[in-house]
PDB file of N, CA and C in Angstrom:
ATOM      1  N   UNK A   1      22.588   1.925 -35.118  1.00  0.00           N
ATOM      2  CA  UNK A   1      20.769   2.020 -35.919  1.00  0.00           C
ATOM      3  C   UNK A   1      20.414   0.372 -35.701  1.00  0.00           C
ATOM      4  N   UNK A   2      21.254  -0.197 -36.278  1.00  0.00           N
ATOM      5  CA  UNK A   2      20.420  -1.431 -36.540  1.00  0.00           C
ATOM      6  C   UNK A   2      19.952  -2.132 -34.993  1.00  0.00           C
ATOM      7  N   UNK A   3      21.217  -1.981 -34.060  1.00  0.00           N
ATOM      8  CA  UNK A   3      20.763  -2.287 -32.863  1.00  0.00           C
ATOM      9  C   UNK A   3      19.710  -1.945 -32.099  1.00  0.00           C
ATOM     10  N   UNK A   4      19.467  -0.486 -32.623  1.00  0.00           N
ATOM     11  CA  UNK A   4      18.176  -0.064 -32.185  1.00  0.00           C
ATOM     12  C   UNK A   4      16.971  -0.921 -32.748  1.00  0.00           C
ATOM     13  N   UNK A   5      16.863  -1.052 -33.661  1.00  0.00           N
ATOM     14  CA  UNK A   5      15.633  -1.377 -34.632  1.00  0.00           C
ATOM     15  C   UNK A   5      15.661  -3.025 -34.316  1.00  0.00           C
ATOM     16  N   UNK A   6      16.502  -4.010 -33.430  1.00  0.00           N
ATOM     17  CA  UNK A   6      16.616  -5.412 -33.160  1.00  0.00           C
ATOM     18  C   UNK A   6      15.917  -4.870 -32.129  1.00  0.00           C
ATOM     19  N   UNK A   7      16.251  -3.669 -31.450  1.00  0.00           N
ATOM     20  CA  UNK A   7      15.188  -3.736 -30.133  1.00  0.00           C
ATOM     21  C   UNK A   7      13.973  -4.154 -30.290  1.00  0.00           C
ATOM     22  N   UNK A   8      13.486  -3.570 -31.183  1.00  0.00           N
ATOM     23  CA  UNK A   8      12.061  -2.913 -31.102  1.00  0.00           C
ATOM     24  C   UNK A   8      11.240  -4.274 -31.994  1.00  0.00           C
ATOM     25  N   UNK A   9      12.606  -4.937 -33.055  1.00  0.00           N
ATOM     26  CA  UNK A   9      12.043  -5.949 -33.580  1.00  0.00           C
ATOM     27  C   UNK A   9      11.947  -7.547 -32.045  1.00  0.00           C
ATOM     28  N   UNK A  10      12.561  -7.191 -31.213  1.00  0.00           N
ATOM     29  CA  UNK A  10      13.431  -8.132 -30.241  1.00  0.00           C
ATOM     30  C   UNK A  10      11.962  -7.934 -28.955  1.00  0.00           C
ATOM     31  N   UNK A  11      10.830  -6.281 -29.065  1.00  0.00           N
ATOM     32  CA  UNK A  11      10.384  -6.262 -28.069  1.00  0.00           C
ATOM     33  C   UNK A  11      10.741  -5.874 -26.622  1.00  0.00           C
ATOM     34  N   UNK A  12      12.059  -5.409 -26.718  1.00  0.00           N
ATOM     35  CA  UNK A  12      12.398  -4.414 -26.317  1.00  0.00           C
ATOM     36  C   UNK A  12      13.444  -5.003 -24.882  1.00  0.00           C
ATOM     37  N   UNK A  13      13.867  -4.757 -23.652  1.00  0.00           N
ATOM     38  CA  UNK A  13      14.518  -5.185 -22.849  1.00  0.00           C
ATOM     39  C   UNK A  13      15.784  -6.225 -22.516  1.00  0.00           C
ATOM     40  N   UNK A  14      15.866  -6.514 -23.992  1.00  0.00           N
ATOM     41  CA  UNK A  14      16.749  -7.838 -23.356  1.00  0.00           C
ATOM     42  C   UNK A  14      18.070  -7.511 -23.594  1.00  0.00           C
ATOM     43  N   UNK A  15      18.831  -6.708 -22.980  1.00  0.00           N
ATOM     44  CA  UNK A  15      20.379  -6.190 -23.055  1.00  0.00           C
ATOM     45  C   UNK A  15      21.235  -6.982 -23.640  1.00  0.00           C
ATOM     46  N   UNK A  16      21.282  -8.528 -23.059  1.00  0.00           N
ATOM     47  CA  UNK A  16      22.153  -9.709 -23.389  1.00  0.00           C
ATOM     48  C   UNK A  16      21.802  -9.839 -24.608  1.00  0.00           C
ATOM     49  N   UNK A  17      21.015  -9.840 -25.130  1.00  0.00           N
ATOM     50  CA  UNK A  17      20.474 -10.234 -26.844  1.00  0.00           C
ATOM     51  C   UNK A  17      21.210  -9.093 -27.770  1.00  0.00           C
ATOM     52  N   UNK A  18      21.206  -7.758 -27.172  1.00  0.00           N
ATOM     53  CA  UNK A  18      21.665  -6.413 -27.912  1.00  0.00           C
ATOM     54  C   UNK A  18      23.126  -6.745 -27.928  1.00  0.00           C
ATOM     55  N   UNK A  19      23.983  -7.230 -26.259  1.00  0.00           N
ATOM     56  CA  UNK A  19      25.401  -7.082 -26.520  1.00  0.00           C
ATOM     57  C   UNK A  19      25.694  -8.447 -27.668  1.00  0.00           C
ATOM     58  N   UNK A  20      25.087  -9.275 -27.324  1.00  0.00           N
ATOM     59  CA  UNK A  20      25.288 -10.073 -28.499  1.00  0.00           C
ATOM     60  C   UNK A  20      26.003  -9.635 -29.738  1.00  0.00           C
ATOM     61  N   UNK A  21      24.428  -9.428 -30.214  1.00  0.00           N
ATOM     62  CA  UNK A  21      24.279  -8.546 -31.498  1.00  0.00           C
ATOM     63  C   UNK A  21      25.348  -7.438 -32.066  1.00  0.00           C
ATOM     64  N   UNK A  22      25.839  -6.567 -30.697  1.00  0.00           N
ATOM     65  CA  UNK A  22      27.008  -6.004 -30.785  1.00  0.00           C
ATOM     66  C   UNK A  22      28.428  -6.844 -31.145  1.00  0.00           C
ATOM     67  N   UNK A  23      28.469  -7.432 -30.262  1.00  0.00           N
ATOM     68  CA  UNK A  23      29.822  -8.420 -30.134  1.00  0.00           C
ATOM     69  C   UNK A  23      30.128  -8.818 -31.664  1.00  0.00           C
ATOM     70  N   UNK A  24      28.809  -9.963 -31.942  1.00  0.00           N
ATOM     71  CA  UNK A  24      28.740 -10.376 -33.186  1.00  0.00           C
ATOM     72  C   UNK A  24      28.578  -9.553 -34.671  1.00  0.00           C
ATOM     73  N   UNK A  25      28.615  -8.041 -34.813  1.00  0.00           N
ATOM     74  CA  UNK A  25      28.366  -7.287 -35.501  1.00  0.00           C
ATOM     75  C   UNK A  25      30.013  -6.603 -35.876  1.00  0.00           C
ATOM     76  N   UNK A  26      30.643  -6.164 -35.105  1.00  0.00           N
ATOM     77  CA  UNK A  26      31.805  -5.823 -34.391  1.00  0.00           C
ATOM     78  C   UNK A  26      33.405  -6.319 -34.266  1.00  0.00           C
ATOM     79  N   UNK A  27      33.568  -6.464 -35.545  1.00  0.00           N
ATOM     80  CA  UNK A  27      34.841  -7.219 -35.874  1.00  0.00           C
ATOM     81  C   UNK A  27      35.838  -6.520 -35.142  1.00  0.00           C
ATOM     82  N   UNK A  28      35.678  -5.043 -35.720  1.00  0.00           N
ATOM     83  CA  UNK A  28      36.969  -4.549 -34.887  1.00  0.00           C
ATOM     84  C   UNK A  28      36.924  -3.611 -33.177  1.00  0.00           C
ATOM     85  N   UNK A  29      36.690  -4.587 -32.860  1.00  0.00           N
ATOM     86  CA  UNK A  29      36.458  -4.189 -31.229  1.00  0.00           C
ATOM     87  C   UNK A  29      35.226  -2.510 -30.944  1.00  0.00           C
ATOM     88  N   UNK A  30      34.443  -2.527 -31.387  1.00  0.00           N
ATOM     89  CA  UNK A  30      33.964  -1.370 -30.942  1.00  0.00           C
ATOM     90  C   UNK A  30      32.704  -1.912 -30.010  1.00  0.00           C
ATOM     91  N   UNK A  31      32.673  -2.403 -29.601  1.00  0.00           N
ATOM     92  CA  UNK A  31      31.828  -3.157 -28.591  1.00  0.00           C
ATOM     93  C   UNK A  31      31.840  -2.239 -27.033  1.00  0.00           C
ATOM     94  N   UNK A  32      33.343  -1.724 -26.934  1.00  0.00           N
ATOM     95  CA  UNK A  32      33.390  -0.313 -25.946  1.00  0.00           C
ATOM     96  C   UNK A  32      32.822   0.865 -25.795  1.00  0.00           C
ATOM     97  N   UNK A  33      33.068   0.790 -27.292  1.00  0.00           N
ATOM     98  CA  UNK A  33      32.019   2.616 -27.798  1.00  0.00           C
ATOM     99  C   UNK A  33      30.431   2.042 -28.161  1.00  0.00           C
ATOM    100  N   UNK A  34      30.249   1.167 -28.654  1.00  0.00           N
ATOM    101  CA  UNK A  34      29.195   0.766 -29.292  1.00  0.00           C
ATOM    102  C   UNK A  34      27.703   0.513 -27.777  1.00  0.00           C
ATOM    103  N   UNK A  35      28.039  -0.297 -26.918  1.00  0.00           N
ATOM    104  CA  UNK A  35      27.460  -0.609 -26.151  1.00  0.00           C
ATOM    105  C   UNK A  35      26.752   0.535 -24.892  1.00  0.00           C
ATOM    106  N   UNK A  36      27.539   1.578 -24.731  1.00  0.00           N
ATOM    107  CA  UNK A  36      26.889   2.106 -23.958  1.00  0.00           C
ATOM    108  C   UNK A  36      26.145   3.451 -24.818  1.00  0.00           C
ATOM    109  N   UNK A  37      26.332   3.624 -25.958  1.00  0.00           N
ATOM    110  CA  UNK A  37      25.354   4.336 -26.845  1.00  0.00           C
ATOM    111  C   UNK A  37      23.957   3.754 -27.115  1.00  0.00           C
ATOM    112  N   UNK A  38      24.272   2.394 -27.106  1.00  0.00           N
ATOM    113  CA  UNK A  38      22.847   1.677 -27.633  1.00  0.00           C
ATOM    114  C   UNK A  38      22.100   1.341 -26.237  1.00  0.00           C
ATOM    115  N   UNK A  39      22.487   1.772 -25.041  1.00  0.00           N
ATOM    116  CA  UNK A  39      22.479   1.310 -23.584  1.00  0.00           C
ATOM    117  C   UNK A  39      21.526   2.747 -23.518  1.00  0.00           C
ATOM    118  N   UNK A  40      22.500   3.809 -23.468  1.00  0.00           N
ATOM    119  CA  UNK A  40      21.808   5.830 -23.442  1.00  0.00           C
ATOM    120  C   UNK A  40      20.547   5.684 -24.398  1.00  0.00           C
ATOM    121  N   UNK A  41      20.446   5.283 -25.479  1.00  0.00           N
ATOM    122  CA  UNK A  41      19.695   6.014 -26.437  1.00  0.00           C
ATOM    123  C   UNK A  41      18.561   4.962 -26.019  1.00  0.00           C
ATOM    124  N   UNK A  42      18.469   3.352 -25.537  1.00  0.00           N
ATOM    125  CA  UNK A  42      17.506   2.736 -25.436  1.00  0.00           C
ATOM    126  C   UNK A  42      16.668   2.994 -23.888  1.00  0.00           C
ATOM    127  N   UNK A  43      17.507   3.618 -22.858  1.00  0.00           N
ATOM    128  CA  UNK A  43      17.281   4.123 -21.753  1.00  0.00           C
ATOM    129  C   UNK A  43      15.941   5.472 -21.889  1.00  0.00           C
ATOM    130  N   UNK A  44      16.607   6.709 -22.865  1.00  0.00           N
ATOM    131  CA  UNK A  44      15.852   7.435 -23.335  1.00  0.00           C
ATOM    132  C   UNK A  44      14.787   7.410 -24.467  1.00  0.00           C
ATOM    133  N   UNK A  45      14.654   5.989 -24.118  1.00  0.00           N
ATOM    134  CA  UNK A  45      13.815   5.541 -25.714  1.00  0.00           C
ATOM    135  C   UNK A  45      12.153   6.369 -25.214  1.00  0.00           C
ATOM    136  N   UNK A  46      11.719   6.117 -24.221  1.00  0.00           N
ATOM    137  CA  UNK A  46      10.684   6.768 -24.027  1.00  0.00           C
ATOM    138  C   UNK A  46      10.225   8.333 -24.387  1.00  0.00           C
ATOM    139  N   UNK A  47      11.123   9.244 -23.778  1.00  0.00           N
ATOM    140  CA  UNK A  47      11.282  10.493 -23.683  1.00  0.00           C
ATOM    141  C   UNK A  47      11.698  11.004 -25.132  1.00  0.00           C
ATOM    142  N   UNK A  48      12.335  10.045 -26.100  1.00  0.00           N
ATOM    143  CA  UNK A  48      12.573  10.380 -27.141  1.00  0.00           C
ATOM    144  C   UNK A  48      11.387  10.001 -28.053  1.00  0.00           C
ATOM    145  N   UNK A  49      10.854   9.167 -28.047  1.00  0.00           N
ATOM    146  CA  UNK A  49       9.208   8.536 -28.517  1.00  0.00           C
ATOM    147  C   UNK A  49       8.304   9.707 -28.336  1.00  0.00           C
ATOM    148  N   UNK A  50       8.539  10.515 -26.915  1.00  0.00           N
ATOM    149  CA  UNK A  50       7.667  11.578 -26.988  1.00  0.00           C
ATOM    150  C   UNK A  50       8.035  12.571 -27.951  1.00  0.00           C
ATOM    151  N   UNK A  51       9.167  13.122 -28.269  1.00  0.00           N
ATOM    152  CA  UNK A  51       9.059  14.281 -29.120  1.00  0.00           C
ATOM    153  C   UNK A  51       9.227  13.576 -30.691  1.00  0.00           C
ATOM    154  N   UNK A  52       9.182  12.399 -30.726  1.00  0.00           N
ATOM    155  CA  UNK A  52       9.000  11.847 -32.313  1.00  0.00           C
ATOM    156  C   UNK A  52       7.404  12.203 -32.700  1.00  0.00           C
ATOM    157  N   UNK A  53       6.776  11.723 -31.779  1.00  0.00           N
ATOM    158  CA  UNK A  53       5.132  11.927 -31.870  1.00  0.00           C
ATOM    159  C   UNK A  53       4.617  13.605 -31.502  1.00  0.00           C
ATOM    160  N   UNK A  54       5.409  14.108 -30.962  1.00  0.00           N
ATOM    161  CA  UNK A  54       4.918  15.649 -30.637  1.00  0.00           C
ATOM    162  C   UNK A  54       5.472  16.697 -32.035  1.00  0.00           C
ATOM    163  N   UNK A  55       6.484  15.820 -32.792  1.00  0.00           N
ATOM    164  CA  UNK A  55       6.368  16.736 -34.020  1.00  0.00           C
ATOM    165  C   UNK A  55       6.346  16.071 -35.180  1.00  0.00           C
ATOM    166  N   UNK A  56       5.938  14.637 -35.223  1.00  0.00           N
ATOM    167  CA  UNK A  56       4.818  13.729 -36.671  1.00  0.00           C
ATOM    168  C   UNK A  56       3.923  14.295 -36.555  1.00  0.00           C
ATOM    169  N   UNK A  57       3.426  15.267 -37.308  1.00  0.00           N
ATOM    170  CA  UNK A  57       1.973  15.624 -37.667  1.00  0.00           C
ATOM    171  C   UNK A  57       1.595  14.867 -38.260  1.00  0.00           C
ATOM    172  N   UNK A  58       2.798  14.229 -39.722  1.00  0.00           N
ATOM    173  CA  UNK A  58       1.544  13.316 -40.425  1.00  0.00           C
ATOM    174  C   UNK A  58       1.041  12.027 -39.874  1.00  0.00           C
ATOM    175  N   UNK A  59       2.094  11.244 -39.173  1.00  0.00           N
ATOM    176  CA  UNK A  59       1.687   9.970 -39.087  1.00  0.00           C
ATOM    177  C   UNK A  59       2.014   9.753 -37.475  1.00  0.00           C
ATOM    178  N   UNK A  60       1.014   8.883 -36.829  1.00  0.00           N
ATOM    179  CA  UNK A  60       0.655   8.646 -35.439  1.00  0.00           C
ATOM    180  C   UNK A  60       2.492   7.786 -35.343  1.00  0.00           C
ATOM    181  N   UNK A  61       2.643   7.358 -33.823  1.00  0.00           N
ATOM    182  CA  UNK A  61       4.202   7.035 -34.255  1.00  0.00           C
ATOM    183  C   UNK A  61       4.152   5.427 -34.070  1.00  0.00           C
ATOM    184  N   UNK A  62       3.094   4.689 -33.935  1.00  0.00           N
ATOM    185  CA  UNK A  62       2.944   2.974 -34.249  1.00  0.00           C
ATOM    186  C   UNK A  62       2.857   3.220 -35.725  1.00  0.00           C
ATOM    187  N   UNK A  63       2.503   4.260 -36.681  1.00  0.00           N
ATOM    188  CA  UNK A  63       2.339   4.034 -37.685  1.00  0.00           C
ATOM    189  C   UNK A  63       3.746   4.310 -38.702  1.00  0.00           C
ATOM    190  N   UNK A  64       5.161   4.962 -37.854  1.00  0.00           N
ATOM    191  CA  UNK A  64       6.272   4.703 -38.378  1.00  0.00           C
ATOM    192  C   UNK A  64       6.947   3.747 -38.432  1.00  0.00           C
ATOM    193  N   UNK A  65       7.782   3.138 -39.374  1.00  0.00           N
ATOM    194  CA  UNK A  65       8.173   2.183 -39.245  1.00  0.00           C
ATOM    195  C   UNK A  65       9.422   1.996 -38.229  1.00  0.00           C
ATOM    196  N   UNK A  66       9.975   0.676 -38.318  1.00  0.00           N
ATOM    197  CA  UNK A  66      10.317   0.368 -36.888  1.00  0.00           C
ATOM    198  C   UNK A  66      11.951   0.580 -37.302  1.00  0.00           C
ATOM    199  N   UNK A  67      12.545   1.084 -38.622  1.00  0.00           N
ATOM    200  CA  UNK A  67      13.747   1.342 -39.200  1.00  0.00           C
ATOM    201  C   UNK A  67      13.865   2.977 -38.647  1.00  0.00           C
ATOM    202  N   UNK A  68      12.715   3.718 -39.229  1.00  0.00           N
ATOM    203  CA  UNK A  68      12.544   5.026 -39.235  1.00  0.00           C
ATOM    204  C   UNK A  68      12.472   5.223 -38.055  1.00  0.00           C
ATOM    205  N   UNK A  69      12.160   5.119 -36.848  1.00  0.00           N
ATOM    206  CA  UNK A  69      12.073   5.248 -35.563  1.00  0.00           C
ATOM    207  C   UNK A  69      13.538   4.922 -35.037  1.00  0.00           C
ATOM    208  N   UNK A  70      14.201   4.014 -35.370  1.00  0.00           N
ATOM    209  CA  UNK A  70      15.140   3.363 -34.791  1.00  0.00           C
ATOM    210  C   UNK A  70      16.392   4.752 -34.975  1.00  0.00           C
ATOM    211  N   UNK A  71      16.342   5.110 -36.847  1.00  0.00           N
ATOM    212  CA  UNK A  71      17.393   6.449 -37.087  1.00  0.00           C
ATOM    213  C   UNK A  71      16.567   7.691 -36.220  1.00  0.00           C
ATOM    214  N   UNK A  72      15.580   8.130 -36.115  1.00  0.00           N
ATOM    215  CA  UNK A  72      15.050   9.115 -35.520  1.00  0.00           C
ATOM    216  C   UNK A  72      15.583   8.846 -33.692  1.00  0.00           C
ATOM    217  N   UNK A  73      15.525   7.950 -33.279  1.00  0.00           N
ATOM    218  CA  UNK A  73      15.868   7.638 -31.870  1.00  0.00           C
ATOM    219  C   UNK A  73      17.468   7.774 -31.793  1.00  0.00           C
ATOM    220  N   UNK A  74      18.232   7.479 -32.719  1.00  0.00           N
ATOM    221  CA  UNK A  74      19.852   7.783 -32.419  1.00  0.00           C
ATOM    222  C   UNK A  74      19.920   9.167 -32.599  1.00  0.00           C
ATOM    223  N   UNK A  75      19.174   9.897 -33.721  1.00  0.00           N
ATOM    224  CA  UNK A  75      19.490  11.226 -34.262  1.00  0.00           C
ATOM    225  C   UNK A  75      19.187  12.351 -32.771  1.00  0.00           C
ATOM    226  N   UNK A  76      17.846  11.872 -32.721  1.00  0.00           N
ATOM    227  CA  UNK A  76      17.422  12.809 -31.402  1.00  0.00           C
ATOM    228  C   UNK A  76      18.384  12.291 -30.298  1.00  0.00           C
ATOM    229  N   UNK A  77      19.002  11.369 -30.027  1.00  0.00           N
ATOM    230  CA  UNK A  77      19.431  11.416 -29.009  1.00  0.00           C
ATOM    231  C   UNK A  77      21.227  11.943 -29.397  1.00  0.00           C
ATOM    232  N   UNK A  78      21.712  12.055 -30.156  1.00  0.00           N
ATOM    233  CA  UNK A  78      22.661  12.734 -30.542  1.00  0.00           C
ATOM    234  C   UNK A  78      22.501  14.247 -30.386  1.00  0.00           C
ATOM    235  N   UNK A  79      21.384  14.836 -30.821  1.00  0.00           N
ATOM    236  CA  UNK A  79      21.044  15.926 -30.690  1.00  0.00           C
ATOM    237  C   UNK A  79      21.136  16.659 -29.386  1.00  0.00           C
ATOM    238  N   UNK A  80      20.086  15.467 -28.509  1.00  0.00           N
ATOM    239  CA  UNK A  80      20.122  16.143 -27.135  1.00  0.00           C
ATOM    240  C   UNK A  80      21.130  15.963 -26.101  1.00  0.00           C
ATOM    241  N   UNK A  81      22.487  14.882 -26.557  1.00  0.00           N
ATOM    242  CA  UNK A  81      22.387  14.555 -25.253  1.00  0.00           C
ATOM    243  C   UNK A  81      24.247  14.298 -25.874  1.00  0.00           C
ATOM    244  N   UNK A  82      24.673  14.419 -27.092  1.00  0.00           N
ATOM    245  CA  UNK A  82      26.057  14.816 -27.765  1.00  0.00           C
ATOM    246  C   UNK A  82      26.371  16.120 -28.139  1.00  0.00           C
ATOM    247  N   UNK A  83      26.438  17.210 -27.335  1.00  0.00           N
ATOM    248  CA  UNK A  83      26.283  18.618 -28.495  1.00  0.00           C
ATOM    249  C   UNK A  83      27.237  18.691 -29.289  1.00  0.00           C
ATOM    250  N   UNK A  84      28.484  17.937 -29.177  1.00  0.00           N
ATOM    251  CA  UNK A  84      29.727  18.441 -29.639  1.00  0.00           C
ATOM    252  C   UNK A  84      29.840  17.698 -30.960  1.00  0.00           C
ATOM    253  N   UNK A  85      28.619  17.018 -31.848  1.00  0.00           N
ATOM    254  CA  UNK A  85      28.306  17.010 -32.767  1.00  0.00           C
ATOM    255  C   UNK A  85      27.700  17.604 -33.845  1.00  0.00           C
ATOM    256  N   UNK A  86      28.016  18.048 -34.616  1.00  0.00           N
ATOM    257  CA  UNK A  86      27.168  19.157 -35.093  1.00  0.00           C
ATOM    258  C   UNK A  86      25.668  19.008 -35.809  1.00  0.00           C
ATOM    259  N   UNK A  87      24.655  20.061 -35.644  1.00  0.00           N
ATOM    260  CA  UNK A  87      23.369  19.678 -35.570  1.00  0.00           C
ATOM    261  C   UNK A  87      23.425  19.106 -36.983  1.00  0.00           C
ATOM    262  N   UNK A  88      23.532  19.923 -38.210  1.00  0.00           N
ATOM    263  CA  UNK A  88      23.255  19.655 -39.259  1.00  0.00           C
ATOM    264  C   UNK A  88      24.469  18.020 -39.816  1.00  0.00           C
ATOM    265  N   UNK A  89      25.680  17.853 -39.250  1.00  0.00           N
ATOM    266  CA  UNK A  89      25.797  16.445 -39.295  1.00  0.00           C
ATOM    267  C   UNK A  89      25.170  15.165 -38.973  1.00  0.00           C
ATOM    268  N   UNK A  90      24.722  15.395 -37.757  1.00  0.00           N
ATOM    269  CA  UNK A  90      23.539  14.578 -37.628  1.00  0.00           C
ATOM    270  C   UNK A  90      22.332  14.104 -38.147  1.00  0.00           C
ATOM    271  N   UNK A  91      21.678  15.148 -38.812  1.00  0.00           N
ATOM    272  CA  UNK A  91      20.675  15.349 -39.474  1.00  0.00           C
ATOM    273  C   UNK A  91      20.960  14.919 -40.718  1.00  0.00           C
ATOM    274  N   UNK A  92      22.229  14.915 -41.625  1.00  0.00           N
ATOM    275  CA  UNK A  92      22.523  14.655 -42.647  1.00  0.00           C
ATOM    276  C   UNK A  92      23.026  12.863 -42.492  1.00  0.00           C
ATOM    277  N   UNK A  93      23.462  12.197 -41.647  1.00  0.00           N
ATOM    278  CA  UNK A  93      23.821  11.251 -41.221  1.00  0.00           C
ATOM    279  C   UNK A  93      21.905  10.563 -41.104  1.00  0.00           C
ATOM    280  N   UNK A  94      21.266  10.989 -40.298  1.00  0.00           N
ATOM    281  CA  UNK A  94      20.429  10.406 -40.195  1.00  0.00           C
ATOM    282  C   UNK A  94      19.575  10.131 -41.415  1.00  0.00           C
ATOM    283  N   UNK A  95      19.464  11.448 -42.653  1.00  0.00           N
ATOM    284  CA  UNK A  95      18.732  11.223 -43.650  1.00  0.00           C
ATOM    285  C   UNK A  95      19.582  10.509 -44.375  1.00  0.00           C
ATOM    286  N   UNK A  96      21.128  10.252 -44.640  1.00  0.00           N
ATOM    287  CA  UNK A  96      21.839   8.855 -45.656  1.00  0.00           C
ATOM    288  C   UNK A  96      21.179   7.544 -45.004  1.00  0.00           C
ATOM    289  N   UNK A  97      20.944   7.753 -43.688  1.00  0.00           N
ATOM    290  CA  UNK A  97      20.668   6.229 -43.081  1.00  0.00           C
ATOM    291  C   UNK A  97      19.231   6.111 -43.528  1.00  0.00           C
ATOM    292  N   UNK A  98      18.452   6.557 -43.588  1.00  0.00           N
ATOM    293  CA  UNK A  98      17.087   6.483 -44.180  1.00  0.00           C
ATOM    294  C   UNK A  98      17.099   6.188 -45.734  1.00  0.00           C
ATOM    295  N   UNK A  99      17.824   7.031 -46.521  1.00  0.00           N
ATOM    296  CA  UNK A  99      18.142   6.809 -47.980  1.00  0.00           C
ATOM    297  C   UNK A  99      18.243   4.934 -48.116  1.00  0.00           C
ATOM    298  N   UNK A 100      19.333   4.829 -47.103  1.00  0.00           N
ATOM    299  CA  UNK A 100      20.152   3.702 -47.246  1.00  0.00           C
ATOM    300  C   UNK A 100      19.286   2.150 -46.826  1.00  0.00           C
ATOM    301  N   UNK A 101      18.616   2.553 -45.582  1.00  0.00           N
ATOM    302  CA  UNK A 101      17.619   1.373 -45.288  1.00  0.00           C
ATOM    303  C   UNK A 101      16.254   1.676 -45.238  1.00  0.00           C
ATOM    304  N   UNK A 102      15.703   2.917 -45.490  1.00  0.00           N
ATOM    305  CA  UNK A 102      14.239   3.120 -45.438  1.00  0.00           C
ATOM    306  C   UNK A 102      13.539   3.296 -46.817  1.00  0.00           C
ATOM    307  N   UNK A 103      12.411   4.267 -46.745  1.00  0.00           N
ATOM    308  CA  UNK A 103      12.026   4.412 -48.233  1.00  0.00           C
ATOM    309  C   UNK A 103      12.256   6.037 -48.259  1.00  0.00           C
ATOM    310  N   UNK A 104      12.457   6.740 -49.521  1.00  0.00           N
ATOM    311  CA  UNK A 104      12.424   7.852 -49.720  1.00  0.00           C
ATOM    312  C   UNK A 104      11.392   8.903 -49.063  1.00  0.00           C
ATOM    313  N   UNK A 105      10.530   8.397 -48.713  1.00  0.00           N
ATOM    314  CA  UNK A 105       9.158   8.978 -48.220  1.00  0.00           C
ATOM    315  C   UNK A 105       9.866   9.047 -46.602  1.00  0.00           C
ATOM    316  N   UNK A 106      10.430   8.028 -46.214  1.00  0.00           N
ATOM    317  CA  UNK A 106      10.625   8.115 -45.099  1.00  0.00           C
ATOM    318  C   UNK A 106      12.190   9.281 -45.034  1.00  0.00           C
ATOM    319  N   UNK A 107      13.086   8.961 -45.710  1.00  0.00           N
ATOM    320  CA  UNK A 107      14.021  10.193 -45.522  1.00  0.00           C
ATOM    321  C   UNK A 107      13.424  11.582 -45.575  1.00  0.00           C
ATOM    322  N   UNK A 108      12.681  12.064 -46.056  1.00  0.00           N
ATOM    323  CA  UNK A 108      12.271  13.109 -46.071  1.00  0.00           C
ATOM    324  C   UNK A 108      11.464  13.498 -44.802  1.00  0.00           C
ATOM    325  N   UNK A 109      10.747  12.683 -44.432  1.00  0.00           N
ATOM    326  CA  UNK A 109       9.858  12.700 -43.344  1.00  0.00           C
ATOM    327  C   UNK A 109      10.766  13.081 -41.870  1.00  0.00           C
ATOM    328  N   UNK A 110      11.770  12.361 -41.658  1.00  0.00           N
ATOM    329  CA  UNK A 110      13.352  12.274 -40.767  1.00  0.00           C
ATOM    330  C   UNK A 110      13.650  13.508 -41.196  1.00  0.00           C
ATOM    331  N   UNK A 111      14.226  14.106 -42.283  1.00  0.00           N
ATOM    332  CA  UNK A 111      14.673  15.232 -42.624  1.00  0.00           C
ATOM    333  C   UNK A 111      13.793  16.344 -41.624  1.00  0.00           C
ATOM    334  N   UNK A 112      12.463  16.510 -42.087  1.00  0.00           N
ATOM    335  CA  UNK A 112      11.827  17.321 -41.879  1.00  0.00           C
ATOM    336  C   UNK A 112      11.374  17.559 -40.680  1.00  0.00           C
ATOM    337  N   UNK A 113      10.971  16.294 -39.797  1.00  0.00           N
ATOM    338  CA  UNK A 113      11.116  16.047 -38.487  1.00  0.00           C
ATOM    339  C   UNK A 113      12.307  16.470 -37.268  1.00  0.00           C
ATOM    340  N   UNK A 114      13.649  16.322 -37.889  1.00  0.00           N
ATOM    341  CA  UNK A 114      14.801  16.592 -36.606  1.00  0.00           C
ATOM    342  C   UNK A 114      15.044  18.373 -37.464  1.00  0.00           C
ATOM    343  N   UNK A 115      14.626  18.654 -38.857  1.00  0.00           N
ATOM    344  CA  UNK A 115      14.690  20.513 -38.537  1.00  0.00           C
ATOM    345  C   UNK A 115      14.286  21.285 -37.813  1.00  0.00           C
ATOM    346  N   UNK A 116      12.205  20.643 -37.865  1.00  0.00           N
ATOM    347  CA  UNK A 116      11.930  21.429 -37.065  1.00  0.00           C
ATOM    348  C   UNK A 116      11.667  21.229 -35.253  1.00  0.00           C
ATOM    349  N   UNK A 117      12.023  19.958 -35.359  1.00  0.00           N
ATOM    350  CA  UNK A 117      13.019  19.969 -33.680  1.00  0.00           C
ATOM    351  C   UNK A 117      14.229  20.539 -33.348  1.00  0.00           C
ATOM    352  N   UNK A 118      15.135  21.041 -34.073  1.00  0.00           N
ATOM    353  CA  UNK A 118      16.245  21.933 -34.239  1.00  0.00           C
ATOM    354  C   UNK A 118      15.982  22.768 -34.315  1.00  0.00           C
ATOM    355  N   UNK A 119      14.780  23.318 -35.201  1.00  0.00           N
ATOM    356  CA  UNK A 119      14.404  25.115 -35.315  1.00  0.00           C
ATOM    357  C   UNK A 119      14.082  25.458 -33.749  1.00  0.00           C
ATOM    358  N   UNK A 120      12.738  24.526 -33.207  1.00  0.00           N
ATOM    359  CA  UNK A 120      12.196  25.290 -32.275  1.00  0.00           C
ATOM    360  C   UNK A 120      13.518  25.272 -31.233  1.00  0.00           C
ATOM    361  N   UNK A 121      14.345  24.443 -31.129  1.00  0.00           N
ATOM    362  CA  UNK A 121      15.746  24.319 -30.275  1.00  0.00           C
ATOM    363  C   UNK A 121      16.115  26.063 -29.904  1.00  0.00           C
ATOM    364  N   UNK A 122      16.918  26.041 -31.589  1.00  0.00           N
ATOM    365  CA  UNK A 122      17.658  27.351 -31.750  1.00  0.00           C
ATOM    366  C   UNK A 122      16.463  28.297 -31.382  1.00  0.00           C
ATOM    367  N   UNK A 123      15.540  28.073 -31.654  1.00  0.00           N
ATOM    368  CA  UNK A 123      14.289  29.559 -31.246  1.00  0.00           C
ATOM    369  C   UNK A 123      14.136  29.577 -29.779  1.00  0.00           C
ATOM    370  N   UNK A 124      14.144  28.028 -28.787  1.00  0.00           N
ATOM    371  CA  UNK A 124      14.324  28.820 -27.414  1.00  0.00           C
ATOM    372  C   UNK A 124      15.649  28.778 -26.693  1.00  0.00           C
ATOM    373  N   UNK A 125      16.401  28.854 -27.174  1.00  0.00           N
ATOM    374  CA  UNK A 125      17.827  29.279 -26.930  1.00  0.00           C
ATOM    375  C   UNK A 125      18.104  30.729 -26.665  1.00  0.00           C
TER     376      UNK A 125
END
């Protein structure tokens, strides 16, 4: 999530910088696991931001803080492209990240948006 946030702050598109951040922040050799995940999330960023915009009744995308957007991008990516992780776990982890790194109102916003997204997906299935 922090690397996706760094992408927002850096203007995006600089994968070398992201790889350096991953390498710097992961002492335990997670580079092989984290790098592809971050690259995939950023590859799908436009699609994921469209989903955020369509489910955000209260705020325009540009009004959602970068940290909250980063959490939403990661969670939506997991919900869409990593179906082995249970929906409830993804949403719970996203809310916990928001409580830790964002405002309490953002945690509720993230919970509501992800819940609505999953409810619609379940209805379509």
